[in-house]
Amino acid sequence: MSLNTRIRDYFRNSSYHRLGTNESGSSSSGGVDDGSNSTTATTATNNGIIHNNSNNNNSRSNNRNNNLPGAFPEEEVLPQPSRTAINSHTIRNSANRVNLWFSYIIIQPIILIMLIVFSVLAKITNLLYINPSNLKARDDLVEEPVDKANKFVRNLEDNLPPLLDQGVNLPPFFQGSYTQALYMATQRGKFLFVYLSNPNNENSSFIFDEIIINPKFTKIFTNSQLNNEVIIWGGDLTNPEAYQLANSLNVTKFPFLGLLCLTRSTKMTPEGPQKEPAKMSLIGKIQGGNPLYVPPSPSPSPSQPPSSSPVSRSQTHIGSNLIKNKFISKINKYEPELKLIRQELKDKYMTEVLKRQQEYNYLQSVHKDMQKKAEKQQQAKTKAYLEYKASEFLNLNLELQAPNTAKIAIKFPDSTRKTFYFPQNMKIDDIYIYVELYKRNMLQGKSRMSKITPAEAETMFENFQVKFNFKLLSPLPPRMDLSNMRNEFIQNVDLVYPNGLLIVEDD
């Protein structure tokens, strides 16, 4: 038996012995215990030395000894990560954080700024360069209600039944939108029929076959007593105007035929009965179809006579009775009041026309008065300015030759010719002023000497120009007009310096 095995057995027996001794509680074993302790200490010392020497060779036995009662647990040593692994992981995390912050701080703001700039440039481009297709689309939207109304009428013409005994005609449908038809009925006091249909309702043809194309109904629109004061408009539910109209009239069944006109009610007031303003109202309607109605045969053959059932014989009278009871009676009832409304609308229109004409005439009169006042002020200011300039020319005495002057001969419309000597530092405008003074005889004597001082003249005539009723032309071809050279100095114009000839031509 080896020494390690004997030591292990000894410690095992000693542990069991101590456990048994503690449980029995005997006091007679004190001496034995002292000996055992001394022996155990000596043995433990030897065991520690031996255990240290054989630790690497008996690791499995020590793991089993740790499970023995009274054994001390072995301290668990955690594996330490290598220095190289920690550095690599830290570098990767740092690189990811740098990329993330770089994206948030630099890349994303640049992308946002570019999106904003491109959106602004797109809007500016749309404003500067208008696409003709967009304009065409807008025109289509404007014309769409009219086109849909006209298309509805064409579809009705295509669906006319081919009756053999008489010609069938549609009533004169209004060629325009419902808004235009409503405006006509409102502003001119007309009766307005509205025919609304549902293209998905194929079995409801009673109103169309027995009322719309009934000669008694079409005769309403050509009645001389009504003086063409009845119009009709039609549309189906694919037309937005017809759909909105159906909702406003609370239509529950299709097809629908209604009659609208201006109506007004009377209310009692302390001053007496007064009529309220007229408004459009629905005064008669037919909606849905007749359940007993049988559509006419499109083309009966000679071998098969027309149907003579009670329904077919009686349904021809249903439409005429409905036209009479639902519409003609309503027209006769509201026509007198509507006639008064028409007269009131006409008087109101004429009053508005006269009012506008009076306002126009008043504005024209005020404009003319302002023009006359401005002309008088212009004439007075022109006269004062010419008197001030006349005093300057009289002091210069331009009819005498002097050095540094331009000799200019002027031929007037009455064929008289005068020669004047203008200083070279004067402007062409001074020649115009001198000719105007000569024509007005304001250079005769000194009775017209102005009392305006140069300081006052500078303030009074600042930016003032005289309107001349003549032209100064050069007789040499091409006949040049000097009106565009009025601000030029005489010495800078070859036509008059050092000498020249000018012709005065009245406008």
Protein backbone atom coordinates (compact mmCIF):
# COMPACT_ATOMS: atom_id res chain seq x y z
CA MET A 1 0.00 0.00 0.00
CA SER A 2 1.39 3.41 -0.91
CA LEU A 3 2.02 6.22 1.48
CA ASN A 4 -0.67 8.46 -0.13
CA THR A 5 -3.29 5.79 0.26
CA ARG A 6 -2.42 5.28 3.95
CA ILE A 7 -2.60 9.05 4.65
CA ARG A 8 -5.98 9.32 2.89
CA ASP A 9 -7.38 6.42 4.92
CA TYR A 10 -6.02 7.93 8.09
CA PHE A 11 -7.77 11.28 7.47
CA ARG A 12 -10.95 9.52 6.58
CA ASN A 13 -10.92 7.51 9.81
CA SER A 14 -10.01 10.61 11.82
CA SER A 15 -12.97 12.52 10.36
CA TYR A 16 -15.33 9.68 11.12
CA HIS A 17 -13.84 9.41 14.64
CA ARG A 18 -14.32 13.13 15.35
CA LEU A 19 -17.88 13.00 14.13
CA GLY A 20 -18.60 10.02 16.36
CA THR A 21 -16.93 11.61 19.35
CA ASN A 22 -18.89 14.82 18.99
CA GLU A 23 -22.14 12.90 18.81
CA SER A 24 -21.49 10.69 21.85
CA GLY A 25 -20.33 13.60 24.07
CA SER A 26 -18.02 11.28 26.15
CA SER A 27 -15.47 13.02 28.45
CA SER A 28 -13.28 10.00 29.14
CA SER A 29 -11.36 10.25 25.89
CA GLY A 30 -9.50 13.43 26.68
CA GLY A 31 -6.07 11.87 26.78
CA VAL A 32 -6.58 9.91 23.65
CA ASP A 33 -7.67 13.07 21.94
CA ASP A 34 -4.49 14.86 22.89
CA GLY A 35 -2.44 12.08 21.46
CA SER A 36 -4.50 11.93 18.35
CA ASN A 37 -4.16 15.66 17.88
CA SER A 38 -0.43 15.56 18.17
CA THR A 39 -0.24 12.65 15.84
CA THR A 40 -2.61 14.36 13.44
CA ALA A 41 -0.58 17.57 13.46
CA THR A 42 2.59 15.70 12.66
CA THR A 43 0.90 13.69 9.99
CA ALA A 44 -0.80 16.80 8.51
CA THR A 45 2.57 18.49 8.24
CA ASN A 46 3.95 15.56 6.38
CA ASN A 47 0.78 15.38 4.29
CA GLY A 48 1.10 19.02 3.33
CA ILE A 49 4.63 18.51 2.10
CA ILE A 50 3.74 15.35 0.27
CA HIS A 51 0.58 16.95 -1.17
CA ASN A 52 2.53 19.90 -2.50
CA ASN A 53 4.97 17.59 -4.20
CA SER A 54 2.28 15.41 -5.82
CA ASN A 55 -0.30 18.10 -6.74
CA ASN A 56 0.19 17.91 -10.46
CA ASN A 57 0.08 14.13 -10.66
CA ASN A 58 -3.07 13.50 -8.56
CA SER A 59 -5.55 16.22 -9.62
CA ARG A 60 -8.36 13.72 -10.17
CA SER A 61 -7.93 12.26 -6.64
CA ASN A 62 -8.06 15.77 -5.16
CA ASN A 63 -11.30 16.49 -7.00
CA ARG A 64 -12.82 13.42 -5.39
CA ASN A 65 -11.44 14.40 -1.97
CA ASN A 66 -13.17 17.76 -2.19
CA ASN A 67 -16.47 15.93 -2.01
CA LEU A 68 -15.55 14.27 1.32
CA PRO A 69 -17.19 15.52 4.55
CA GLY A 70 -15.09 18.16 6.25
CA ALA A 71 -13.06 18.95 3.13
CA PHE A 72 -12.46 22.60 2.16
CA PRO A 73 -13.80 23.70 -1.24
CA GLU A 74 -11.15 24.45 -3.78
CA GLU A 75 -11.00 28.09 -4.91
CA GLU A 76 -12.33 28.45 -8.44
CA VAL A 77 -10.01 30.36 -10.74
CA LEU A 78 -11.75 32.12 -13.66
CA PRO A 79 -9.98 32.07 -17.01
CA GLN A 80 -8.50 35.44 -17.86
CA PRO A 81 -9.09 36.69 -21.40
CA SER A 82 -6.04 37.31 -23.44
CA ARG A 83 -4.76 40.85 -23.93
CA THR A 84 -4.91 40.53 -27.69
CA ALA A 85 -8.67 39.65 -27.74
CA ILE A 86 -9.59 42.65 -25.59
CA ASN A 87 -7.73 45.06 -27.84
CA SER A 88 -9.34 43.74 -31.08
CA HIS A 89 -12.89 43.93 -29.69
CA THR A 90 -12.33 47.46 -28.40
CA ILE A 91 -10.95 48.61 -31.75
CA ARG A 92 -13.98 47.22 -33.63
CA ASN A 93 -16.43 48.90 -31.26
CA SER A 94 -14.59 52.19 -31.53
CA ALA A 95 -14.61 52.00 -35.33
CA ASN A 96 -18.37 51.33 -35.35
CA ARG A 97 -19.01 54.27 -33.05
CA VAL A 98 -16.90 56.57 -35.25
CA ASN A 99 -18.82 55.48 -38.38
CA LEU A 100 -22.15 56.03 -36.63
CA TRP A 101 -21.27 59.52 -35.42
CA PHE A 102 -19.80 60.39 -38.83
CA SER A 103 -23.10 59.38 -40.47
CA TYR A 104 -25.20 61.42 -38.04
CA ILE A 105 -23.02 64.54 -38.04
CA ILE A 106 -21.89 64.82 -41.69
CA ILE A 107 -23.63 62.47 -44.16
CA GLN A 108 -27.27 62.78 -43.06
CA PRO A 109 -27.26 66.63 -42.85
CA ILE A 110 -25.71 66.78 -46.32
CA ILE A 111 -28.42 64.48 -47.71
CA LEU A 112 -31.16 66.57 -46.03
CA ILE A 113 -29.75 69.82 -47.43
CA MET A 114 -29.55 68.32 -50.94
CA LEU A 115 -33.18 67.16 -50.77
CA ILE A 116 -34.33 70.63 -49.74
CA VAL A 117 -32.27 72.31 -52.48
CA PHE A 118 -33.55 69.97 -55.21
CA SER A 119 -37.17 70.41 -54.10
CA VAL A 120 -36.83 74.21 -54.24
CA LEU A 121 -35.18 74.02 -57.67
CA ALA A 122 -37.99 71.77 -58.93
CA LYS A 123 -40.63 74.28 -57.83
CA ILE A 124 -38.74 77.17 -59.42
CA THR A 125 -38.40 75.18 -62.66
CA ASN A 126 -42.14 74.47 -62.69
CA LEU A 127 -42.85 78.17 -62.28
CA LEU A 128 -40.41 79.28 -64.98
CA TYR A 129 -41.12 76.56 -67.53
CA ILE A 130 -44.84 75.83 -67.73
CA ASN A 131 -45.64 72.49 -69.26
CA PRO A 132 -48.16 72.88 -72.12
CA SER A 133 -49.67 69.51 -71.20
CA ASN A 134 -50.60 70.89 -67.78
CA LEU A 135 -52.35 73.83 -69.41
CA LYS A 136 -54.18 71.44 -71.68
CA ALA A 137 -55.23 69.35 -68.69
CA ARG A 138 -56.59 72.48 -67.00
CA ASP A 139 -58.57 73.36 -70.11
CA ASP A 140 -59.97 69.84 -70.12
CA LEU A 141 -61.07 70.25 -66.52
CA VAL A 142 -62.83 73.50 -67.42
CA GLU A 143 -64.64 71.96 -70.38
CA GLU A 144 -65.39 68.63 -68.72
CA PRO A 145 -68.91 69.46 -67.35
CA VAL A 146 -70.01 70.79 -70.73
CA ASP A 147 -68.58 67.78 -72.56
CA LYS A 148 -70.26 65.34 -70.20
CA ALA A 149 -73.62 67.07 -70.60
CA ASN A 150 -73.31 66.98 -74.39
CA LYS A 151 -72.25 63.32 -74.27
CA PHE A 152 -75.33 62.51 -72.19
CA VAL A 153 -77.58 64.08 -74.82
CA ARG A 154 -75.86 62.12 -77.60
CA ASN A 155 -76.41 58.88 -75.68
CA LEU A 156 -80.10 59.71 -75.36
CA GLU A 157 -80.32 60.25 -79.12
CA ASP A 158 -78.69 56.87 -79.70
CA ASN A 159 -81.23 55.16 -77.42
CA LEU A 160 -84.33 56.53 -79.13
CA PRO A 161 -86.80 53.68 -79.84
CA PRO A 162 -87.43 53.18 -83.59
CA LEU A 163 -91.20 53.72 -83.60
CA LEU A 164 -92.87 53.30 -86.96
CA ASP A 165 -96.04 55.31 -86.63
CA GLN A 166 -94.53 58.71 -85.73
CA GLY A 167 -91.26 60.53 -85.52
CA VAL A 168 -89.65 60.79 -82.12
CA ASN A 169 -87.69 63.85 -81.04
CA LEU A 170 -85.88 64.78 -77.89
CA PRO A 171 -86.65 68.04 -76.09
CA PRO A 172 -84.08 70.83 -76.62
CA PHE A 173 -81.59 69.92 -73.88
CA PHE A 174 -79.43 72.78 -72.62
CA GLN A 175 -75.97 72.65 -74.21
CA GLY A 176 -73.88 73.41 -71.17
CA SER A 177 -73.22 72.58 -67.56
CA TYR A 178 -75.82 72.53 -64.80
CA THR A 179 -74.24 75.63 -63.27
CA GLN A 180 -74.87 77.54 -66.48
CA ALA A 181 -78.43 76.24 -66.74
CA LEU A 182 -79.12 77.18 -63.10
CA TYR A 183 -77.74 80.66 -63.75
CA MET A 184 -80.09 81.08 -66.70
CA ALA A 185 -83.08 79.93 -64.64
CA THR A 186 -82.14 82.13 -61.67
CA GLN A 187 -81.18 85.34 -63.46
CA ARG A 188 -83.90 85.23 -66.12
CA GLY A 189 -86.77 83.59 -64.26
CA LYS A 190 -87.10 80.44 -66.36
CA PHE A 191 -88.57 77.02 -65.58
CA LEU A 192 -85.84 74.39 -65.35
CA PHE A 193 -86.42 70.67 -65.95
CA VAL A 194 -83.69 68.33 -64.71
CA TYR A 195 -83.47 64.75 -65.94
CA LEU A 196 -81.16 62.44 -63.96
CA SER A 197 -80.52 58.81 -64.76
CA ASN A 198 -78.47 55.93 -63.46
CA PRO A 199 -76.58 54.05 -66.19
CA ASN A 200 -76.65 50.87 -64.06
CA ASN A 201 -80.48 50.87 -63.93
CA GLU A 202 -81.40 49.28 -67.27
CA ASN A 203 -85.06 48.45 -66.56
CA SER A 204 -86.26 51.96 -65.67
CA SER A 205 -87.14 53.35 -69.10
CA PHE A 206 -90.69 54.45 -68.35
CA ILE A 207 -89.88 58.15 -67.80
CA PHE A 208 -87.79 58.35 -70.95
CA ASP A 209 -90.17 56.43 -73.24
CA GLU A 210 -93.46 57.85 -71.97
CA ILE A 211 -92.53 61.39 -70.84
CA ILE A 212 -89.22 62.68 -72.22
CA ILE A 213 -89.93 61.80 -75.84
CA ASN A 214 -93.68 62.33 -75.53
CA PRO A 215 -94.82 64.99 -78.05
CA LYS A 216 -96.95 66.55 -75.32
CA PHE A 217 -93.82 67.06 -73.22
CA THR A 218 -91.65 68.41 -76.05
CA LYS A 219 -94.43 70.84 -76.92
CA ILE A 220 -93.90 72.60 -73.58
CA PHE A 221 -90.58 73.98 -74.82
CA THR A 222 -92.06 75.44 -77.99
CA ASN A 223 -95.21 76.88 -76.43
CA SER A 224 -95.68 80.45 -77.61
CA GLN A 225 -97.50 81.42 -74.39
CA LEU A 226 -94.41 80.60 -72.33
CA ASN A 227 -92.23 82.49 -74.81
CA ASN A 228 -89.39 79.98 -74.58
CA GLU A 229 -89.11 80.42 -70.82
CA VAL A 230 -88.57 76.67 -70.17
CA ILE A 231 -85.23 74.86 -70.41
CA ILE A 232 -84.19 71.28 -69.66
CA TRP A 233 -80.85 69.88 -68.51
CA GLY A 234 -79.86 66.23 -68.20
CA GLY A 235 -77.05 64.11 -66.80
CA ASP A 236 -76.25 60.72 -65.29
CA LEU A 237 -74.52 59.81 -62.05
CA THR A 238 -71.11 59.64 -63.76
CA ASN A 239 -71.31 63.43 -64.02
CA PRO A 240 -70.24 65.06 -60.71
CA GLU A 241 -72.76 67.87 -61.20
CA ALA A 242 -75.62 65.40 -61.63
CA TYR A 243 -74.45 63.42 -58.60
CA GLN A 244 -74.35 66.52 -56.39
CA LEU A 245 -77.72 67.66 -57.71
CA ALA A 246 -79.25 64.26 -56.87
CA ASN A 247 -77.96 64.55 -53.31
CA SER A 248 -79.26 68.10 -52.89
CA LEU A 249 -82.73 67.12 -54.19
CA ASN A 250 -82.81 63.92 -52.04
CA VAL A 251 -83.36 61.69 -55.05
CA THR A 252 -83.97 58.08 -53.96
CA LYS A 253 -84.97 56.45 -57.25
CA PHE A 254 -83.78 56.75 -60.82
CA PRO A 255 -84.49 57.96 -63.40
CA PHE A 256 -85.62 61.30 -61.99
CA LEU A 257 -87.42 64.16 -63.71
CA GLY A 258 -87.95 67.32 -61.70
CA LEU A 259 -89.21 70.85 -62.34
CA LEU A 260 -87.55 73.83 -60.63
CA CYS A 261 -88.35 77.53 -60.67
CA LEU A 262 -88.05 80.66 -58.58
CA THR A 263 -90.62 80.85 -55.79
CA ARG A 264 -91.15 83.15 -52.86
CA SER A 265 -93.39 83.10 -49.86
CA THR A 266 -95.26 85.90 -48.09
CA LYS A 267 -94.79 86.64 -44.40
CA MET A 268 -96.72 88.93 -42.14
CA THR A 269 -94.92 91.92 -40.62
CA PRO A 270 -96.13 94.88 -38.53
CA GLU A 271 -96.14 96.93 -41.74
CA GLY A 272 -98.22 94.31 -43.53
CA PRO A 273 -97.60 91.26 -45.72
CA GLN A 274 -94.21 91.26 -47.38
CA LYS A 275 -92.75 88.88 -49.92
CA GLU A 276 -89.46 87.19 -49.18
CA PRO A 277 -86.62 87.04 -51.74
CA ALA A 278 -87.14 84.51 -54.52
CA LYS A 279 -85.22 81.21 -54.40
CA MET A 280 -85.07 78.07 -56.54
CA SER A 281 -87.49 75.36 -55.43
CA LEU A 282 -88.54 71.92 -56.64
CA ILE A 283 -92.23 72.19 -57.55
CA GLY A 284 -92.79 68.84 -59.30
CA LYS A 285 -91.02 65.52 -59.76
CA ILE A 286 -91.32 61.95 -61.05
CA GLN A 287 -88.81 59.30 -60.03
CA GLY A 288 -88.43 55.58 -60.54
CA GLY A 289 -90.40 53.53 -63.03
CA ASN A 290 -93.90 52.12 -63.47
CA PRO A 291 -93.90 48.44 -62.39
CA LEU A 292 -96.63 47.71 -64.93
CA TYR A 293 -94.76 49.37 -67.79
CA VAL A 294 -93.85 47.17 -70.76
CA PRO A 295 -91.29 48.67 -73.16
CA PRO A 296 -92.49 48.89 -76.78
CA SER A 297 -91.31 46.32 -79.26
CA PRO A 298 -88.44 47.76 -81.31
CA SER A 299 -89.54 46.39 -84.71
CA PRO A 300 -92.76 44.34 -84.91
CA SER A 301 -92.88 41.89 -87.80
CA PRO A 302 -95.82 41.75 -90.22
CA SER A 303 -96.66 38.22 -89.11
CA GLN A 304 -96.84 39.26 -85.46
CA PRO A 305 -99.35 42.06 -84.76
CA PRO A 306 -98.63 44.61 -82.03
CA SER A 307 -99.51 43.67 -78.50
CA SER A 308 -103.07 44.52 -77.51
CA SER A 309 -102.85 43.70 -73.82
CA PRO A 310 -104.61 46.01 -71.32
CA VAL A 311 -101.25 47.13 -70.04
CA SER A 312 -99.97 48.19 -73.48
CA ARG A 313 -103.23 49.99 -74.29
CA SER A 314 -103.35 51.90 -71.02
CA GLN A 315 -99.68 52.74 -70.50
CA THR A 316 -99.71 55.22 -73.42
CA HIS A 317 -102.14 57.38 -71.47
CA ILE A 318 -100.16 57.21 -68.22
CA GLY A 319 -97.34 59.40 -69.53
CA SER A 320 -99.70 62.06 -70.90
CA ASN A 321 -101.65 62.17 -67.64
CA LEU A 322 -98.44 62.52 -65.62
CA ILE A 323 -97.22 65.34 -67.88
CA LYS A 324 -100.49 67.17 -67.44
CA ASN A 325 -100.91 66.61 -63.71
CA LYS A 326 -97.29 66.87 -62.59
CA PHE A 327 -95.82 69.55 -64.84
CA ILE A 328 -98.29 71.49 -67.00
CA SER A 329 -100.51 72.20 -64.00
CA LYS A 330 -97.48 73.34 -61.97
CA ILE A 331 -96.32 75.60 -64.79
CA ASN A 332 -99.77 77.19 -65.06
CA LYS A 333 -99.82 77.66 -61.28
CA TYR A 334 -96.41 79.35 -60.90
CA GLU A 335 -96.28 81.21 -64.21
CA PRO A 336 -98.10 84.39 -63.00
CA GLU A 337 -95.79 84.80 -60.01
CA LEU A 338 -92.75 83.91 -62.08
CA LYS A 339 -93.76 86.52 -64.65
CA LEU A 340 -93.67 89.18 -61.93
CA ILE A 341 -90.27 87.90 -60.82
CA ARG A 342 -89.00 88.16 -64.41
CA GLN A 343 -90.16 91.76 -64.59
CA GLU A 344 -88.47 92.54 -61.29
CA LEU A 345 -85.25 90.91 -62.47
CA LYS A 346 -85.43 92.90 -65.69
CA ASP A 347 -85.99 96.14 -63.82
CA LYS A 348 -83.15 95.29 -61.46
CA TYR A 349 -80.87 94.60 -64.39
CA MET A 350 -81.79 97.86 -66.10
CA THR A 351 -81.27 99.73 -62.83
CA GLU A 352 -77.81 98.21 -62.52
CA VAL A 353 -77.01 99.15 -66.12
CA LEU A 354 -78.15 102.74 -65.59
CA LYS A 355 -76.23 102.93 -62.33
CA ARG A 356 -73.05 101.72 -63.97
CA GLN A 357 -73.56 104.12 -66.86
CA GLN A 358 -74.02 107.00 -64.45
CA GLU A 359 -70.88 106.00 -62.54
CA TYR A 360 -68.95 105.80 -65.78
CA ASN A 361 -70.19 109.21 -66.91
CA TYR A 362 -69.33 110.68 -63.51
CA LEU A 363 -65.81 109.28 -63.63
CA GLN A 364 -65.37 110.59 -67.15
CA SER A 365 -66.56 114.04 -66.06
CA VAL A 366 -64.19 114.04 -63.08
CA HIS A 367 -61.34 112.95 -65.33
CA LYS A 368 -62.06 115.73 -67.80
CA ASP A 369 -62.23 118.31 -65.00
CA MET A 370 -58.90 117.08 -63.66
CA GLN A 371 -57.39 117.29 -67.13
CA LYS A 372 -58.67 120.83 -67.57
CA LYS A 373 -57.32 121.84 -64.19
CA ALA A 374 -53.96 120.26 -64.95
CA GLU A 375 -53.86 122.04 -68.35
CA LYS A 376 -54.59 125.38 -66.71
CA GLN A 377 -51.85 124.81 -64.16
CA GLN A 378 -49.50 123.77 -66.93
CA GLN A 379 -50.34 126.86 -68.96
CA ALA A 380 -49.86 129.16 -65.99
CA LYS A 381 -46.56 127.59 -65.08
CA THR A 382 -45.44 127.68 -68.72
CA LYS A 383 -46.29 131.37 -68.94
CA ALA A 384 -44.34 132.15 -65.77
CA TYR A 385 -41.39 130.13 -66.99
CA LEU A 386 -41.38 131.83 -70.41
CA GLU A 387 -41.55 135.27 -68.79
CA TYR A 388 -38.56 134.35 -66.64
CA LYS A 389 -36.60 133.09 -69.68
CA ALA A 390 -37.66 136.17 -71.74
CA SER A 391 -35.93 138.47 -69.27
CA GLU A 392 -32.73 136.43 -69.72
CA PHE A 393 -32.88 136.55 -73.53
CA LEU A 394 -33.62 140.30 -73.54
CA ASN A 395 -30.50 140.88 -71.51
CA LEU A 396 -28.44 138.80 -73.95
CA ASN A 397 -29.79 140.51 -77.10
CA LEU A 398 -29.30 137.51 -79.38
CA GLU A 399 -29.83 139.55 -82.54
CA LEU A 400 -26.33 141.08 -82.23
CA GLN A 401 -23.22 139.15 -83.22
CA ALA A 402 -20.82 138.30 -80.42
CA PRO A 403 -17.76 136.06 -79.96
CA ASN A 404 -18.18 132.40 -78.99
CA THR A 405 -21.63 132.27 -80.50
CA ALA A 406 -23.41 130.11 -83.08
CA LYS A 407 -25.02 131.85 -86.02
CA ILE A 408 -28.37 130.16 -86.55
CA ALA A 409 -30.91 131.15 -89.18
CA ILE A 410 -34.49 130.15 -88.37
CA LYS A 411 -37.24 130.02 -90.95
CA PHE A 412 -40.76 130.37 -89.50
CA PRO A 413 -44.00 128.90 -90.95
CA ASP A 414 -45.04 132.34 -92.32
CA SER A 415 -41.87 132.23 -94.51
CA THR A 416 -40.09 134.88 -92.43
CA ARG A 417 -36.45 134.24 -91.71
CA LYS A 418 -34.52 135.53 -88.72
CA THR A 419 -30.89 135.13 -87.72
CA PHE A 420 -29.87 134.82 -84.06
CA TYR A 421 -26.55 134.45 -82.28
CA PHE A 422 -26.75 131.90 -79.48
CA PRO A 423 -23.86 131.46 -77.00
CA GLN A 424 -22.11 128.15 -77.52
CA ASN A 425 -22.64 127.10 -73.89
CA MET A 426 -26.44 127.20 -74.28
CA LYS A 427 -28.49 124.07 -74.95
CA ILE A 428 -30.70 123.18 -77.90
CA ASP A 429 -33.66 123.54 -75.51
CA ASP A 430 -32.88 127.27 -75.28
CA ILE A 431 -33.39 127.56 -79.05
CA TYR A 432 -36.84 125.98 -78.64
CA ILE A 433 -37.67 128.41 -75.84
CA TYR A 434 -36.49 131.40 -77.89
CA VAL A 435 -38.63 130.35 -80.87
CA GLU A 436 -41.65 129.94 -78.54
CA LEU A 437 -41.06 133.42 -77.11
CA TYR A 438 -40.72 134.86 -80.62
CA LYS A 439 -43.97 133.22 -81.75
CA ARG A 440 -45.81 134.62 -78.69
CA ASN A 441 -44.31 138.12 -79.19
CA MET A 442 -42.88 138.03 -75.68
CA LEU A 443 -39.54 139.57 -76.77
CA GLN A 444 -41.01 143.00 -77.55
CA GLY A 445 -39.95 145.61 -75.00
CA LYS A 446 -39.41 145.04 -71.31
CA SER A 447 -43.02 145.14 -70.15
CA ARG A 448 -42.95 141.38 -69.59
CA MET A 449 -39.87 141.33 -67.38
CA SER A 450 -40.27 138.65 -64.72
CA LYS A 451 -39.95 139.46 -61.05
CA ILE A 452 -38.84 135.90 -60.15
CA THR A 453 -35.35 135.68 -58.75
CA PRO A 454 -32.93 132.93 -59.92
CA ALA A 455 -33.15 131.20 -56.52
CA GLU A 456 -36.94 131.13 -56.69
CA ALA A 457 -36.83 129.96 -60.31
CA GLU A 458 -34.54 127.07 -59.44
CA THR A 459 -37.04 125.81 -56.88
CA MET A 460 -40.21 126.63 -58.83
CA PHE A 461 -39.14 125.24 -62.22
CA GLU A 462 -37.17 122.19 -61.06
CA ASN A 463 -37.50 119.36 -63.62
CA PHE A 464 -40.01 121.45 -65.59
CA GLN A 465 -40.19 121.21 -69.37
CA VAL A 466 -42.29 123.24 -71.75
CA LYS A 467 -44.49 121.34 -74.19
CA PHE A 468 -43.87 122.84 -77.61
CA ASN A 469 -46.35 122.67 -80.49
CA PHE A 470 -43.69 122.78 -83.21
CA LYS A 471 -40.59 120.99 -84.43
CA LEU A 472 -37.15 122.26 -85.36
CA LEU A 473 -35.85 120.46 -88.44
CA SER A 474 -32.66 120.62 -90.42
CA PRO A 475 -33.28 121.29 -94.15
CA LEU A 476 -30.31 119.15 -95.14
CA PRO A 477 -31.15 115.55 -95.96
CA PRO A 478 -31.94 113.62 -93.99
CA ARG A 479 -34.29 116.09 -92.34
CA MET A 480 -33.30 115.52 -88.74
CA ASP A 481 -35.51 116.50 -85.82
CA LEU A 482 -33.74 118.24 -82.95
CA SER A 483 -36.31 117.22 -80.33
CA ASN A 484 -34.08 114.33 -79.26
CA MET A 485 -31.12 116.72 -78.77
CA ARG A 486 -32.72 119.25 -76.43
CA ASN A 487 -30.30 118.48 -73.59
CA GLU A 488 -27.20 118.79 -75.81
CA PHE A 489 -24.99 121.87 -75.80
CA ILE A 490 -25.01 123.93 -79.00
CA GLN A 491 -21.26 123.59 -79.50
CA ASN A 492 -21.64 119.80 -79.58
CA VAL A 493 -24.21 119.76 -82.42
CA ASP A 494 -22.77 120.13 -85.90
CA LEU A 495 -26.12 121.09 -87.40
CA VAL A 496 -26.13 124.46 -85.63
CA TYR A 497 -22.51 125.12 -84.67
CA PRO A 498 -20.73 127.22 -85.73
CA ASN A 499 -23.64 128.09 -88.03
CA GLY A 500 -26.78 126.39 -89.21
CA LEU A 501 -30.25 126.67 -90.66
CA LEU A 502 -33.41 125.42 -88.92
CA ILE A 503 -37.00 125.22 -90.12
CA VAL A 504 -39.95 125.64 -87.75
CA GLU A 505 -42.71 123.17 -88.55
CA ASP A 506 -45.99 123.24 -86.61
CA ASP A 507 -47.44 119.98 -85.33
